[in-house]
Amino acid sequence: MNTEFPGPGLDRELALSRVGGDAELLKEIAALFMEDYPGVLTEIRAAAARGDAKGVERAAHGLKGSVANFGAQTTVDAALQIERMGRAGDLSGVSEAIDTLALALDALHPELEAL
């Protein structure tokens, strides 16, 4: 498996604009996100393992909204793909999609830490 995730991560300018230019607030939001997202990823995996398409959709939707605050389009797109799979009730291929999302989050994490 590829351990590096290609593509854009944090869009610092966009993220700052979403918090009115308040760099300290952005750091706080990033810290909260970094604490929360591993649990949400676990929730998505567990819902997928149960075949709970609505649970997959709901958790992926929440994660997508949170990561959008950072302008991390690659990660947003990965979460959106999973959300759509859940909405369609078709979880075939969801494990691979979750792995892609996890790689995107792993790539974003150090960028958020550096804020």
Protein backbone atom coordinates (compact mmCIF):
# COMPACT_ATOMS: atom_id res chain seq x y z
CA MET A 1 0.00 0.00 0.00
CA ASN A 2 1.19 3.51 -0.79
CA THR A 3 2.12 5.27 2.47
CA GLU A 4 2.17 8.77 1.03
CA PHE A 5 -0.96 10.52 -0.10
CA PRO A 6 -0.55 12.76 -3.12
CA GLY A 7 -2.41 15.97 -3.60
CA PRO A 8 -3.09 19.20 -1.82
CA GLY A 9 -3.59 19.21 1.91
CA LEU A 10 -4.25 22.24 4.02
CA ASP A 11 -5.23 25.45 2.23
CA ARG A 12 -3.92 27.83 4.89
CA GLU A 13 -5.37 30.94 3.26
CA LEU A 14 -8.85 29.46 2.97
CA ALA A 15 -8.71 28.01 6.47
CA LEU A 16 -7.71 31.38 7.91
CA SER A 17 -10.48 33.13 5.98
CA ARG A 18 -13.02 30.75 7.53
CA VAL A 19 -12.00 31.90 11.02
CA GLY A 20 -11.83 35.60 10.19
CA GLY A 21 -8.03 35.57 10.00
CA ASP A 22 -7.69 34.44 13.64
CA ALA A 23 -4.64 32.14 13.59
CA GLU A 24 -5.06 31.15 17.24
CA LEU A 25 -8.66 30.10 16.66
CA LEU A 26 -7.55 28.08 13.65
CA LYS A 27 -4.94 26.31 15.82
CA GLU A 28 -7.62 25.50 18.40
CA ILE A 29 -10.00 24.14 15.77
CA ALA A 30 -7.18 22.08 14.24
CA ALA A 31 -6.25 20.66 17.66
CA LEU A 32 -9.86 19.65 18.33
CA PHE A 33 -10.15 18.10 14.88
CA MET A 34 -6.93 16.09 15.39
CA GLU A 35 -8.33 14.75 18.68
CA ASP A 36 -11.69 13.85 17.14
CA TYR A 37 -11.03 12.47 13.67
CA PRO A 38 -9.47 9.13 14.70
CA GLY A 39 -12.68 8.30 16.57
CA VAL A 40 -14.83 9.32 13.61
CA LEU A 41 -12.69 7.17 11.30
CA THR A 42 -13.20 4.26 13.71
CA GLU A 43 -16.93 4.98 13.69
CA ILE A 44 -16.99 4.87 9.87
CA ARG A 45 -15.08 1.57 9.84
CA ALA A 46 -17.40 0.06 12.47
CA ALA A 47 -20.53 1.18 10.61
CA ALA A 48 -19.14 -0.28 7.39
CA ALA A 49 -18.33 -3.57 9.14
CA ARG A 50 -21.94 -3.72 10.41
CA GLY A 51 -23.27 -2.95 6.95
CA ASP A 52 -24.84 0.22 8.38
CA ALA A 53 -24.96 2.41 5.26
CA LYS A 54 -26.78 5.26 7.07
CA GLY A 55 -24.16 5.23 9.83
CA VAL A 56 -21.40 5.35 7.22
CA GLU A 57 -23.12 8.24 5.46
CA ARG A 58 -23.71 10.20 8.68
CA ALA A 59 -20.17 9.83 10.04
CA ALA A 60 -18.52 10.55 6.68
CA HIS A 61 -20.73 13.62 6.21
CA GLY A 62 -19.69 15.02 9.59
CA LEU A 63 -16.03 14.38 8.91
CA LYS A 64 -16.31 15.97 5.47
CA GLY A 65 -17.79 19.12 6.98
CA SER A 66 -15.08 19.36 9.60
CA VAL A 67 -12.19 18.85 7.19
CA ALA A 68 -13.69 21.35 4.73
CA ASN A 69 -12.84 24.06 7.27
CA PHE A 70 -9.20 23.48 6.40
CA GLY A 71 -9.68 23.64 2.65
CA ALA A 72 -8.19 20.14 2.34
CA GLN A 73 -10.00 19.27 -0.87
CA THR A 74 -8.40 15.87 -1.38
CA THR A 75 -9.55 14.77 2.07
CA VAL A 76 -12.99 16.33 1.56
CA ASP A 77 -13.33 14.39 -1.70
CA ALA A 78 -12.34 11.12 0.00
CA ALA A 79 -14.96 11.63 2.72
CA LEU A 80 -17.56 12.65 0.14
CA GLN A 81 -17.00 9.41 -1.79
CA ILE A 82 -17.71 7.41 1.37
CA GLU A 83 -20.73 9.57 2.21
CA ARG A 84 -22.16 8.91 -1.26
CA MET A 85 -21.59 5.17 -0.90
CA GLY A 86 -23.52 5.23 2.35
CA ARG A 87 -26.32 7.34 0.87
CA ALA A 88 -26.62 4.92 -2.06
CA GLY A 89 -26.67 1.96 0.32
CA ASP A 90 -23.82 0.39 -1.66
CA LEU A 91 -20.86 -0.34 0.60
CA SER A 92 -18.98 -2.46 -1.94
CA GLY A 93 -15.50 -0.97 -2.12
CA VAL A 94 -16.00 1.06 1.05
CA SER A 95 -12.98 -0.51 2.77
CA GLU A 96 -10.67 0.78 0.06
CA ALA A 97 -12.36 4.19 0.17
CA ILE A 98 -11.87 4.32 3.95
CA ASP A 99 -8.19 3.42 3.50
CA THR A 100 -7.87 6.31 1.03
CA LEU A 101 -9.53 8.66 3.51
CA ALA A 102 -7.20 7.47 6.27
CA LEU A 103 -4.16 8.18 4.07
CA ALA A 104 -5.48 11.65 3.28
CA LEU A 105 -6.02 12.35 6.98
CA ASP A 106 -2.55 11.04 7.81
CA ALA A 107 -1.08 13.42 5.23
CA LEU A 108 -3.10 16.36 6.56
CA HIS A 109 -2.24 15.75 10.23
CA PRO A 110 1.32 17.16 10.20
CA GLU A 111 0.12 20.23 8.32
CA LEU A 112 -2.46 20.86 11.01
CA GLU A 113 0.11 20.29 13.74
CA ALA A 114 2.35 22.91 12.14
CA LEU A 115 -0.27 25.66 12.36
